[in-house]
Amino acid sequence: MSCVSLKSIKYVRTLMKQYSQLTIICYIVGPTLIVVSHLGSLLIIVTGLSWGAALWAVLLYVIRMLATTGIYHRLLTHKSYQAPTSVLCVGSIVAASAGQMGPSWWKAHHMAHHQCPDQEKDPHSPYMPFKGLKGFWWSQAGWLFSPQFFPSKLPSDVESNVVLKIVDRLHFIPTVALGALSYYIGGAEYLGAFFLSTTVLFHGVATVNSLSHMLGEQPFTTNDYSRNHWLVAFLTLGEGWHNLHHAFQSSARHGITVREGQVAYLPDPTFWFIRMLEFLKLASKIRVPSKTELLARARNRNCQNSVFKAEAETSV
């Protein structure tokens, strides 16, 4: 028996002690629904896709993607800004309806990713335990069907919130409810649109794990392979500026780079969403690194001495 198999068996035994059988069953429903969504997307071959159904699919995609990126990621996990508990709870329900699992599960895996990026304990690196096409498949979806699907430890701050804990364990209910609502609105055609939207959203989010660690620019110095990739940023409403995120994990704005010694800003719809929440008095204390911090972390610092000199002369 290989060492990998022995590790997997040991890992499963540890999980069986940590999680109740009910929690294990509730978690397993997650990837099952993703498979169902892939198959359900085939409905549109039979029903077609009217403009109304297409707009429904796009609407569901944008709203649920913003909940995933703006609430699960930048608020719940990295605390890039502050918001009322009601915003966090409602946003978590919307994110769960995207098939993104619950808040405890989501944060646990993402924090594990940042603690050991592109290393052995990273749950979804395209470099560990595989590379090349196998590594891409592993980071895109394969890891969800392995023992690594279960977090080694759930975050205590999320688990201490009763509402978030319930959302975490019953994460599949919002997904099923949204599918039922879609069918109620427009029958099989809108149900197919819901499945298609969920499937595309799943792979869009997954490209942050895969493509954003394989392709693109690295304007900032990090200890991993994180990269900025425009296509991933487009699909995920700003999450594809991943190198910036790994360089400044607590930044509410990911769309930032450095070009020729100058800070440049990139389209970041999730950050615009956070600014909208701020305008509505639903967000505060938004965290963004200063230009000095950004330039200090830039990979290519050839032009920085002149930039800092110019800033000093201006201040005098």
C-alpha atoms as a PDB file:
ATOM      1  CA  MET A   1       0.000   0.000   0.000  1.00  0.00           C
ATOM      2  CA  SER A   2       1.398   3.436  -0.981  1.00  0.00           C
ATOM      3  CA  CYS A   3       2.254   6.185   1.493  1.00  0.00           C
ATOM      4  CA  VAL A   4      -0.471   8.381  -0.056  1.00  0.00           C
ATOM      5  CA  SER A   5      -3.096   5.695   0.622  1.00  0.00           C
ATOM      6  CA  LEU A   6      -1.909   5.294   4.219  1.00  0.00           C
ATOM      7  CA  LYS A   7      -2.095   9.061   4.743  1.00  0.00           C
ATOM      8  CA  SER A   8      -5.615   9.125   3.298  1.00  0.00           C
ATOM      9  CA  ILE A   9      -6.778   6.310   5.589  1.00  0.00           C
ATOM     10  CA  LYS A  10      -5.270   8.054   8.626  1.00  0.00           C
ATOM     11  CA  TYR A  11      -6.868  11.341   7.573  1.00  0.00           C
ATOM     12  CA  VAL A  12     -10.312   9.727   7.194  1.00  0.00           C
ATOM     13  CA  ARG A  13     -10.053   8.094  10.626  1.00  0.00           C
ATOM     14  CA  THR A  14      -9.212  11.460  12.178  1.00  0.00           C
ATOM     15  CA  LEU A  15     -12.186  13.066  10.436  1.00  0.00           C
ATOM     16  CA  MET A  16     -14.568  10.380  11.658  1.00  0.00           C
ATOM     17  CA  LYS A  17     -13.618  11.339  15.225  1.00  0.00           C
ATOM     18  CA  GLN A  18     -13.932  15.095  14.620  1.00  0.00           C
ATOM     19  CA  TYR A  19     -17.242  15.197  12.738  1.00  0.00           C
ATOM     20  CA  SER A  20     -20.597  13.693  13.620  1.00  0.00           C
ATOM     21  CA  GLN A  21     -22.138  11.355  11.063  1.00  0.00           C
ATOM     22  CA  LEU A  22     -24.884  13.906  10.421  1.00  0.00           C
ATOM     23  CA  THR A  23     -22.321  16.630   9.634  1.00  0.00           C
ATOM     24  CA  ILE A  24     -20.431  14.295   7.297  1.00  0.00           C
ATOM     25  CA  ILE A  25     -23.648  13.483   5.439  1.00  0.00           C
ATOM     26  CA  CYS A  26     -24.613  17.167   5.220  1.00  0.00           C
ATOM     27  CA  TYR A  27     -21.193  18.070   3.839  1.00  0.00           C
ATOM     28  CA  ILE A  28     -21.211  15.270   1.256  1.00  0.00           C
ATOM     29  CA  VAL A  29     -24.445  16.683  -0.165  1.00  0.00           C
ATOM     30  CA  GLY A  30     -22.369  19.641  -1.439  1.00  0.00           C
ATOM     31  CA  PRO A  31     -20.336  17.997  -4.219  1.00  0.00           C
ATOM     32  CA  THR A  32     -23.359  15.821  -5.004  1.00  0.00           C
ATOM     33  CA  LEU A  33     -25.362  18.954  -5.835  1.00  0.00           C
ATOM     34  CA  ILE A  34     -22.529  20.227  -8.028  1.00  0.00           C
ATOM     35  CA  VAL A  35     -22.627  16.993 -10.031  1.00  0.00           C
ATOM     36  CA  VAL A  36     -26.423  17.321 -10.281  1.00  0.00           C
ATOM     37  CA  SER A  37     -25.990  20.899 -11.536  1.00  0.00           C
ATOM     38  CA  HIS A  38     -23.665  19.756 -14.293  1.00  0.00           C
ATOM     39  CA  LEU A  39     -26.163  17.151 -15.414  1.00  0.00           C
ATOM     40  CA  GLY A  40     -29.103  19.533 -14.972  1.00  0.00           C
ATOM     41  CA  SER A  41     -27.464  22.057 -17.293  1.00  0.00           C
ATOM     42  CA  LEU A  42     -28.243  19.647 -20.124  1.00  0.00           C
ATOM     43  CA  LEU A  43     -31.902  20.627 -19.714  1.00  0.00           C
ATOM     44  CA  ILE A  44     -31.318  23.705 -21.861  1.00  0.00           C
ATOM     45  CA  ILE A  45     -30.567  21.425 -24.819  1.00  0.00           C
ATOM     46  CA  VAL A  46     -34.175  20.281 -24.637  1.00  0.00           C
ATOM     47  CA  THR A  47     -35.898  23.477 -23.462  1.00  0.00           C
ATOM     48  CA  GLY A  48     -33.731  26.062 -25.161  1.00  0.00           C
ATOM     49  CA  LEU A  49     -32.810  29.297 -23.436  1.00  0.00           C
ATOM     50  CA  SER A  50     -35.029  32.334 -23.907  1.00  0.00           C
ATOM     51  CA  TRP A  51     -33.816  35.855 -23.207  1.00  0.00           C
ATOM     52  CA  GLY A  52     -35.702  35.781 -19.917  1.00  0.00           C
ATOM     53  CA  ALA A  53     -34.098  32.535 -18.814  1.00  0.00           C
ATOM     54  CA  ALA A  54     -30.659  33.760 -19.914  1.00  0.00           C
ATOM     55  CA  LEU A  55     -31.083  36.966 -17.903  1.00  0.00           C
ATOM     56  CA  TRP A  56     -32.199  34.870 -14.908  1.00  0.00           C
ATOM     57  CA  ALA A  57     -29.021  32.791 -15.184  1.00  0.00           C
ATOM     58  CA  VAL A  58     -26.834  35.926 -15.404  1.00  0.00           C
ATOM     59  CA  LEU A  59     -28.647  37.582 -12.481  1.00  0.00           C
ATOM     60  CA  LEU A  60     -28.191  34.514 -10.297  1.00  0.00           C
ATOM     61  CA  TYR A  61     -24.542  34.314 -11.318  1.00  0.00           C
ATOM     62  CA  VAL A  62     -23.699  37.929 -10.447  1.00  0.00           C
ATOM     63  CA  ILE A  63     -25.597  38.056  -7.147  1.00  0.00           C
ATOM     64  CA  ARG A  64     -24.262  34.732  -5.903  1.00  0.00           C
ATOM     65  CA  MET A  65     -20.721  35.452  -7.086  1.00  0.00           C
ATOM     66  CA  LEU A  66     -20.727  38.756  -5.173  1.00  0.00           C
ATOM     67  CA  ALA A  67     -21.943  36.919  -2.072  1.00  0.00           C
ATOM     68  CA  THR A  68     -19.080  34.444  -2.455  1.00  0.00           C
ATOM     69  CA  THR A  69     -16.369  37.020  -3.129  1.00  0.00           C
ATOM     70  CA  GLY A  70     -17.652  39.968  -1.109  1.00  0.00           C
ATOM     71  CA  ILE A  71     -19.116  38.128   1.880  1.00  0.00           C
ATOM     72  CA  TYR A  72     -17.527  34.664   2.193  1.00  0.00           C
ATOM     73  CA  HIS A  73     -14.089  35.768   1.067  1.00  0.00           C
ATOM     74  CA  ARG A  74     -13.367  39.396   1.861  1.00  0.00           C
ATOM     75  CA  LEU A  75     -15.677  39.814   4.879  1.00  0.00           C
ATOM     76  CA  LEU A  76     -16.026  36.451   6.629  1.00  0.00           C
ATOM     77  CA  THR A  77     -12.587  35.029   5.936  1.00  0.00           C
ATOM     78  CA  HIS A  78     -10.215  37.994   5.692  1.00  0.00           C
ATOM     79  CA  LYS A  79     -12.184  40.677   7.560  1.00  0.00           C
ATOM     80  CA  SER A  80     -11.237  43.228   4.920  1.00  0.00           C
ATOM     81  CA  TYR A  81     -14.061  45.425   6.142  1.00  0.00           C
ATOM     82  CA  GLN A  82     -16.680  45.457   8.876  1.00  0.00           C
ATOM     83  CA  ALA A  83     -20.404  44.918   8.378  1.00  0.00           C
ATOM     84  CA  PRO A  84     -23.469  44.215  10.537  1.00  0.00           C
ATOM     85  CA  THR A  85     -24.087  40.594  11.473  1.00  0.00           C
ATOM     86  CA  SER A  86     -27.266  40.693   9.386  1.00  0.00           C
ATOM     87  CA  VAL A  87     -25.222  41.403   6.240  1.00  0.00           C
ATOM     88  CA  LEU A  88     -22.891  38.507   7.040  1.00  0.00           C
ATOM     89  CA  CYS A  89     -25.732  36.066   7.694  1.00  0.00           C
ATOM     90  CA  VAL A  90     -27.855  37.019   4.661  1.00  0.00           C
ATOM     91  CA  GLY A  91     -24.774  37.077   2.447  1.00  0.00           C
ATOM     92  CA  SER A  92     -23.772  33.616   3.683  1.00  0.00           C
ATOM     93  CA  ILE A  93     -27.191  32.211   2.798  1.00  0.00           C
ATOM     94  CA  VAL A  94     -26.910  33.672  -0.709  1.00  0.00           C
ATOM     95  CA  ALA A  95     -23.371  32.272  -1.093  1.00  0.00           C
ATOM     96  CA  ALA A  96     -24.569  28.858   0.099  1.00  0.00           C
ATOM     97  CA  SER A  97     -27.298  28.953  -2.570  1.00  0.00           C
ATOM     98  CA  ALA A  98     -24.476  28.994  -5.143  1.00  0.00           C
ATOM     99  CA  GLY A  99     -23.380  25.522  -4.101  1.00  0.00           C
ATOM    100  CA  GLN A 100     -20.331  27.019  -2.350  1.00  0.00           C
ATOM    101  CA  MET A 101     -20.949  25.011   0.835  1.00  0.00           C
ATOM    102  CA  GLY A 102     -21.344  26.713   4.235  1.00  0.00           C
ATOM    103  CA  PRO A 103     -19.365  29.516   5.915  1.00  0.00           C
ATOM    104  CA  SER A 104     -17.376  27.300   8.327  1.00  0.00           C
ATOM    105  CA  TRP A 105     -16.362  24.888   5.571  1.00  0.00           C
ATOM    106  CA  TRP A 106     -15.493  27.694   3.163  1.00  0.00           C
ATOM    107  CA  LYS A 107     -13.385  29.718   5.591  1.00  0.00           C
ATOM    108  CA  ALA A 108     -11.582  26.647   6.946  1.00  0.00           C
ATOM    109  CA  HIS A 109     -10.375  25.618   3.503  1.00  0.00           C
ATOM    110  CA  HIS A 110      -9.423  29.094   2.413  1.00  0.00           C
ATOM    111  CA  MET A 111      -7.384  29.753   5.539  1.00  0.00           C
ATOM    112  CA  ALA A 112      -5.614  26.402   5.083  1.00  0.00           C
ATOM    113  CA  HIS A 113      -4.782  27.515   1.537  1.00  0.00           C
ATOM    114  CA  HIS A 114      -3.187  30.740   2.797  1.00  0.00           C
ATOM    115  CA  GLN A 115      -1.306  29.052   5.625  1.00  0.00           C
ATOM    116  CA  CYS A 116       0.488  26.675   3.236  1.00  0.00           C
ATOM    117  CA  PRO A 117       0.000  28.033  -0.309  1.00  0.00           C
ATOM    118  CA  ASP A 118       1.171  25.631  -3.025  1.00  0.00           C
ATOM    119  CA  GLN A 119       2.631  23.319  -0.390  1.00  0.00           C
ATOM    120  CA  GLU A 120       1.659  19.845   0.788  1.00  0.00           C
ATOM    121  CA  LYS A 121      -1.040  21.041   3.200  1.00  0.00           C
ATOM    122  CA  ASP A 122      -2.667  23.330   0.642  1.00  0.00           C
ATOM    123  CA  PRO A 123      -6.005  21.573  -0.033  1.00  0.00           C
ATOM    124  CA  HIS A 124      -6.242  22.636  -3.696  1.00  0.00           C
ATOM    125  CA  SER A 125      -2.895  23.629  -5.181  1.00  0.00           C
ATOM    126  CA  PRO A 126      -2.267  22.813  -8.880  1.00  0.00           C
ATOM    127  CA  TYR A 127       1.267  21.807  -7.864  1.00  0.00           C
ATOM    128  CA  MET A 128       0.584  19.479  -4.913  1.00  0.00           C
ATOM    129  CA  PRO A 129       0.137  16.537  -4.966  1.00  0.00           C
ATOM    130  CA  PHE A 130      -0.016  16.630  -8.794  1.00  0.00           C
ATOM    131  CA  LYS A 131       1.329  18.859 -11.544  1.00  0.00           C
ATOM    132  CA  GLY A 132       0.415  19.593 -15.159  1.00  0.00           C
ATOM    133  CA  LEU A 133      -3.050  18.568 -16.339  1.00  0.00           C
ATOM    134  CA  LYS A 134      -3.574  16.371 -13.274  1.00  0.00           C
ATOM    135  CA  GLY A 135      -2.674  19.318 -11.070  1.00  0.00           C
ATOM    136  CA  PHE A 136      -5.129  21.541 -12.928  1.00  0.00           C
ATOM    137  CA  TRP A 137      -7.934  18.990 -12.527  1.00  0.00           C
ATOM    138  CA  TRP A 138      -7.090  18.495  -8.859  1.00  0.00           C
ATOM    139  CA  SER A 139      -7.264  22.233  -8.079  1.00  0.00           C
ATOM    140  CA  GLN A 140     -10.324  22.801 -10.274  1.00  0.00           C
ATOM    141  CA  ALA A 141     -12.513  20.018  -8.892  1.00  0.00           C
ATOM    142  CA  GLY A 142     -10.692  16.787  -8.070  1.00  0.00           C
ATOM    143  CA  TRP A 143      -9.883  17.684  -4.463  1.00  0.00           C
ATOM    144  CA  LEU A 144     -13.612  17.907  -3.672  1.00  0.00           C
ATOM    145  CA  PHE A 145     -13.890  14.167  -4.202  1.00  0.00           C
ATOM    146  CA  SER A 146     -10.977  13.310  -1.915  1.00  0.00           C
ATOM    147  CA  PRO A 147     -10.521  13.181   1.886  1.00  0.00           C
ATOM    148  CA  GLN A 148      -9.167  16.768   1.666  1.00  0.00           C
ATOM    149  CA  PHE A 149     -12.757  17.850   1.077  1.00  0.00           C
ATOM    150  CA  PHE A 150     -13.257  17.774   4.846  1.00  0.00           C
ATOM    151  CA  PRO A 151     -11.426  20.612   6.657  1.00  0.00           C
ATOM    152  CA  SER A 152      -8.971  19.481   9.314  1.00  0.00           C
ATOM    153  CA  LYS A 153     -10.385  22.135  11.657  1.00  0.00           C
ATOM    154  CA  LEU A 154     -13.420  24.423  11.532  1.00  0.00           C
ATOM    155  CA  PRO A 155     -12.962  28.124  12.453  1.00  0.00           C
ATOM    156  CA  SER A 156     -14.057  28.855  16.013  1.00  0.00           C
ATOM    157  CA  ASP A 157     -15.345  32.360  15.255  1.00  0.00           C
ATOM    158  CA  VAL A 158     -17.831  31.045  12.695  1.00  0.00           C
ATOM    159  CA  GLU A 159     -18.776  28.022  14.777  1.00  0.00           C
ATOM    160  CA  SER A 160     -19.590  30.277  17.743  1.00  0.00           C
ATOM    161  CA  ASN A 161     -22.249  32.084  15.687  1.00  0.00           C
ATOM    162  CA  VAL A 162     -25.413  29.960  15.907  1.00  0.00           C
ATOM    163  CA  VAL A 163     -26.929  31.278  12.665  1.00  0.00           C
ATOM    164  CA  LEU A 164     -23.742  30.783  10.641  1.00  0.00           C
ATOM    165  CA  LYS A 165     -23.275  27.296  12.081  1.00  0.00           C
ATOM    166  CA  ILE A 166     -26.814  26.330  11.043  1.00  0.00           C
ATOM    167  CA  VAL A 167     -26.231  27.781   7.568  1.00  0.00           C
ATOM    168  CA  ASP A 168     -23.013  25.781   7.377  1.00  0.00           C
ATOM    169  CA  ARG A 169     -24.613  22.428   8.196  1.00  0.00           C
ATOM    170  CA  LEU A 170     -27.758  23.082   6.124  1.00  0.00           C
ATOM    171  CA  HIS A 171     -25.891  24.747   3.264  1.00  0.00           C
ATOM    172  CA  PHE A 172     -27.746  22.691   0.659  1.00  0.00           C
ATOM    173  CA  ILE A 173     -31.206  24.028   1.573  1.00  0.00           C
ATOM    174  CA  PRO A 174     -30.699  27.492  -0.026  1.00  0.00           C
ATOM    175  CA  THR A 175     -29.409  25.800  -3.191  1.00  0.00           C
ATOM    176  CA  VAL A 176     -32.392  23.450  -3.444  1.00  0.00           C
ATOM    177  CA  ALA A 177     -34.797  26.274  -2.568  1.00  0.00           C
ATOM    178  CA  LEU A 178     -33.397  28.507  -5.316  1.00  0.00           C
ATOM    179  CA  GLY A 179     -33.708  25.658  -7.807  1.00  0.00           C
ATOM    180  CA  ALA A 180     -37.339  25.174  -6.767  1.00  0.00           C
ATOM    181  CA  LEU A 181     -37.990  28.918  -7.117  1.00  0.00           C
ATOM    182  CA  SER A 182     -36.483  28.865 -10.595  1.00  0.00           C
ATOM    183  CA  TYR A 183     -38.797  26.027 -11.616  1.00  0.00           C
ATOM    184  CA  TYR A 184     -41.788  27.860 -10.111  1.00  0.00           C
ATOM    185  CA  ILE A 185     -40.973  31.013 -12.103  1.00  0.00           C
ATOM    186  CA  GLY A 186     -40.399  29.459 -15.512  1.00  0.00           C
ATOM    187  CA  GLY A 187     -40.607  25.674 -15.411  1.00  0.00           C
ATOM    188  CA  ALA A 188     -37.907  23.394 -16.769  1.00  0.00           C
ATOM    189  CA  GLU A 189     -36.333  26.182 -18.837  1.00  0.00           C
ATOM    190  CA  TYR A 190     -35.608  28.376 -15.803  1.00  0.00           C
ATOM    191  CA  LEU A 191     -34.531  25.331 -13.811  1.00  0.00           C
ATOM    192  CA  GLY A 192     -32.021  24.563 -16.558  1.00  0.00           C
ATOM    193  CA  ALA A 193     -30.857  28.202 -16.408  1.00  0.00           C
ATOM    194  CA  PHE A 194     -30.371  27.824 -12.646  1.00  0.00           C
ATOM    195  CA  PHE A 195     -28.301  24.669 -13.131  1.00  0.00           C
ATOM    196  CA  LEU A 196     -26.218  26.333 -15.852  1.00  0.00           C
ATOM    197  CA  SER A 197     -25.611  29.412 -13.714  1.00  0.00           C
ATOM    198  CA  THR A 198     -24.562  27.272 -10.736  1.00  0.00           C
ATOM    199  CA  THR A 199     -22.222  25.158 -12.859  1.00  0.00           C
ATOM    200  CA  VAL A 200     -20.493  28.127 -14.497  1.00  0.00           C
ATOM    201  CA  LEU A 201     -20.205  29.859 -11.122  1.00  0.00           C
ATOM    202  CA  PHE A 202     -18.624  26.771  -9.585  1.00  0.00           C
ATOM    203  CA  HIS A 203     -15.947  26.625 -12.270  1.00  0.00           C
ATOM    204  CA  GLY A 204     -15.475  30.391 -12.168  1.00  0.00           C
ATOM    205  CA  VAL A 205     -14.649  30.288  -8.468  1.00  0.00           C
ATOM    206  CA  ALA A 206     -12.474  27.212  -8.990  1.00  0.00           C
ATOM    207  CA  THR A 207     -10.299  29.018 -11.554  1.00  0.00           C
ATOM    208  CA  VAL A 208      -8.937  31.089  -8.655  1.00  0.00           C
ATOM    209  CA  ASN A 209      -7.528  27.838  -7.244  1.00  0.00           C
ATOM    210  CA  SER A 210      -6.217  26.615 -10.579  1.00  0.00           C
ATOM    211  CA  LEU A 211      -5.517  29.219 -13.290  1.00  0.00           C
ATOM    212  CA  SER A 212      -4.630  32.011 -10.839  1.00  0.00           C
ATOM    213  CA  HIS A 213      -1.756  29.864  -9.610  1.00  0.00           C
ATOM    214  CA  MET A 214      -0.638  28.844 -13.098  1.00  0.00           C
ATOM    215  CA  LEU A 215      -1.065  31.727 -15.558  1.00  0.00           C
ATOM    216  CA  GLY A 216      -0.666  35.482 -15.411  1.00  0.00           C
ATOM    217  CA  GLU A 217       1.513  38.206 -13.937  1.00  0.00           C
ATOM    218  CA  GLN A 218       3.200  38.366 -10.551  1.00  0.00           C
ATOM    219  CA  PRO A 219       3.660  42.078  -9.796  1.00  0.00           C
ATOM    220  CA  PHE A 220       4.130  41.454  -6.055  1.00  0.00           C
ATOM    221  CA  THR A 221       6.581  39.275  -4.149  1.00  0.00           C
ATOM    222  CA  THR A 222       4.971  36.263  -2.438  1.00  0.00           C
ATOM    223  CA  ASN A 223       6.097  32.812  -1.316  1.00  0.00           C
ATOM    224  CA  ASP A 224       3.795  31.000  -3.729  1.00  0.00           C
ATOM    225  CA  TYR A 225       2.699  30.861  -7.370  1.00  0.00           C
ATOM    226  CA  SER A 226      -0.267  33.249  -7.076  1.00  0.00           C
ATOM    227  CA  ARG A 227      -0.838  35.369 -10.169  1.00  0.00           C
ATOM    228  CA  ASN A 228      -3.051  38.112 -11.565  1.00  0.00           C
ATOM    229  CA  HIS A 229      -5.128  36.836 -14.495  1.00  0.00           C
ATOM    230  CA  TRP A 230      -7.645  39.006 -16.349  1.00  0.00           C
ATOM    231  CA  LEU A 231      -9.937  36.151 -17.418  1.00  0.00           C
ATOM    232  CA  VAL A 232     -10.253  34.835 -13.867  1.00  0.00           C
ATOM    233  CA  ALA A 233     -10.849  38.393 -12.650  1.00  0.00           C
ATOM    234  CA  PHE A 234     -13.650  38.759 -15.209  1.00  0.00           C
ATOM    235  CA  LEU A 235     -15.292  35.469 -14.241  1.00  0.00           C
ATOM    236  CA  THR A 236     -15.041  36.131 -10.503  1.00  0.00           C
ATOM    237  CA  LEU A 237     -15.766  39.866 -10.433  1.00  0.00           C
ATOM    238  CA  GLY A 238     -12.264  40.785  -9.290  1.00  0.00           C
ATOM    239  CA  GLU A 239     -10.937  37.709  -7.475  1.00  0.00           C
ATOM    240  CA  GLY A 240      -8.548  36.903 -10.313  1.00  0.00           C
ATOM    241  CA  TRP A 241      -6.140  39.616  -9.195  1.00  0.00           C
ATOM    242  CA  HIS A 242      -4.837  36.855  -6.970  1.00  0.00           C
ATOM    243  CA  ASN A 243      -1.198  37.841  -6.606  1.00  0.00           C
ATOM    244  CA  LEU A 244      -2.221  41.097  -4.939  1.00  0.00           C
ATOM    245  CA  HIS A 245      -4.491  39.120  -2.631  1.00  0.00           C
ATOM    246  CA  HIS A 246      -1.678  36.818  -1.511  1.00  0.00           C
ATOM    247  CA  ALA A 247       0.612  39.807  -0.997  1.00  0.00           C
ATOM    248  CA  PHE A 248      -2.019  41.725   1.010  1.00  0.00           C
ATOM    249  CA  GLN A 249      -4.561  39.221   2.296  1.00  0.00           C
ATOM    250  CA  SER A 250      -6.597  41.736   4.275  1.00  0.00           C
ATOM    251  CA  SER A 251      -7.038  44.168   1.390  1.00  0.00           C
ATOM    252  CA  ALA A 252     -10.666  44.764   0.402  1.00  0.00           C
ATOM    253  CA  ARG A 253      -9.431  45.785  -3.038  1.00  0.00           C
ATOM    254  CA  HIS A 254      -7.738  43.129  -5.148  1.00  0.00           C
ATOM    255  CA  GLY A 255      -7.579  45.046  -8.406  1.00  0.00           C
ATOM    256  CA  ILE A 256      -4.196  46.686  -7.880  1.00  0.00           C
ATOM    257  CA  THR A 257      -0.889  46.221  -9.684  1.00  0.00           C
ATOM    258  CA  VAL A 258       2.414  48.038 -10.209  1.00  0.00           C
ATOM    259  CA  ARG A 259       3.563  49.122 -13.659  1.00  0.00           C
ATOM    260  CA  GLU A 260       6.833  50.930 -14.311  1.00  0.00           C
ATOM    261  CA  GLY A 261       7.173  51.785 -10.647  1.00  0.00           C
ATOM    262  CA  GLN A 262       3.667  53.226 -10.430  1.00  0.00           C
ATOM    263  CA  VAL A 263       0.605  51.850  -8.668  1.00  0.00           C
ATOM    264  CA  ALA A 264      -2.191  51.076 -11.128  1.00  0.00           C
ATOM    265  CA  TYR A 265      -5.781  50.097 -10.398  1.00  0.00           C
ATOM    266  CA  LEU A 266      -7.669  47.323 -12.165  1.00  0.00           C
ATOM    267  CA  PRO A 267     -11.417  46.617 -12.513  1.00  0.00           C
ATOM    268  CA  ASP A 268     -12.677  45.054  -9.283  1.00  0.00           C
ATOM    269  CA  PRO A 269     -16.509  44.751  -9.173  1.00  0.00           C
ATOM    270  CA  THR A 270     -16.393  43.092  -5.756  1.00  0.00           C
ATOM    271  CA  PHE A 271     -14.640  46.151  -4.354  1.00  0.00           C
ATOM    272  CA  TRP A 272     -17.283  48.342  -5.997  1.00  0.00           C
ATOM    273  CA  PHE A 273     -19.896  46.191  -4.247  1.00  0.00           C
ATOM    274  CA  ILE A 274     -18.168  46.798  -0.903  1.00  0.00           C
ATOM    275  CA  ARG A 275     -18.119  50.535  -1.622  1.00  0.00           C
ATOM    276  CA  MET A 276     -21.857  50.350  -2.348  1.00  0.00           C
ATOM    277  CA  LEU A 277     -22.394  48.700   1.029  1.00  0.00           C
ATOM    278  CA  GLU A 278     -20.370  51.514   2.590  1.00  0.00           C
ATOM    279  CA  PHE A 279     -22.575  54.097   0.857  1.00  0.00           C
ATOM    280  CA  LEU A 280     -25.630  52.316   2.290  1.00  0.00           C
ATOM    281  CA  LYS A 281     -24.041  52.425   5.778  1.00  0.00           C
ATOM    282  CA  LEU A 282     -23.661  48.629   5.715  1.00  0.00           C
ATOM    283  CA  ALA A 283     -19.862  48.526   5.585  1.00  0.00           C
ATOM    284  CA  SER A 284     -17.098  50.391   7.383  1.00  0.00           C
ATOM    285  CA  LYS A 285     -13.361  50.333   8.101  1.00  0.00           C
ATOM    286  CA  ILE A 286     -12.483  49.148   4.606  1.00  0.00           C
ATOM    287  CA  ARG A 287      -8.857  48.041   4.517  1.00  0.00           C
ATOM    288  CA  VAL A 288      -6.633  48.861   1.502  1.00  0.00           C
ATOM    289  CA  PRO A 289      -2.808  48.996   1.491  1.00  0.00           C
ATOM    290  CA  SER A 290      -1.116  52.350   0.967  1.00  0.00           C
ATOM    291  CA  LYS A 291       0.903  53.151  -2.148  1.00  0.00           C
ATOM    292  CA  THR A 292       4.078  52.984  -0.065  1.00  0.00           C
ATOM    293  CA  GLU A 293       3.211  49.463   1.104  1.00  0.00           C
ATOM    294  CA  LEU A 294       2.332  48.378  -2.422  1.00  0.00           C
ATOM    295  CA  LEU A 295       5.579  49.679  -3.915  1.00  0.00           C
ATOM    296  CA  ALA A 296       7.627  48.143  -1.126  1.00  0.00           C
ATOM    297  CA  ARG A 297       6.157  44.725  -1.978  1.00  0.00           C
ATOM    298  CA  ALA A 298       6.502  45.125  -5.754  1.00  0.00           C
ATOM    299  CA  ARG A 299       8.550  42.451  -7.497  1.00  0.00           C
ATOM    300  CA  ASN A 300      10.270  44.855  -9.922  1.00  0.00           C
ATOM    301  CA  ARG A 301      11.674  47.692  -7.845  1.00  0.00           C
ATOM    302  CA  ASN A 302      14.063  49.172 -10.417  1.00  0.00           C
ATOM    303  CA  CYS A 303      12.122  52.423 -10.659  1.00  0.00           C
ATOM    304  CA  GLN A 304      11.167  52.773  -7.030  1.00  0.00           C
ATOM    305  CA  ASN A 305      14.101  54.808  -5.753  1.00  0.00           C
ATOM    306  CA  SER A 306      13.182  57.660  -8.097  1.00  0.00           C
ATOM    307  CA  VAL A 307       9.522  57.352  -7.115  1.00  0.00           C
ATOM    308  CA  PHE A 308      10.269  57.581  -3.385  1.00  0.00           C
ATOM    309  CA  LYS A 309      12.664  60.479  -4.048  1.00  0.00           C
ATOM    310  CA  ALA A 310       9.988  62.331  -5.986  1.00  0.00           C
ATOM    311  CA  GLU A 311       7.463  61.777  -3.194  1.00  0.00           C
ATOM    312  CA  ALA A 312       9.961  63.049  -0.620  1.00  0.00           C
ATOM    313  CA  GLU A 313      10.686  66.186  -2.653  1.00  0.00           C
ATOM    314  CA  THR A 314       6.950  66.810  -3.050  1.00  0.00           C
ATOM    315  CA  SER A 315       6.327  66.469   0.675  1.00  0.00           C
ATOM    316  CA  VAL A 316       9.118  68.985   1.400  1.00  0.00           C
END
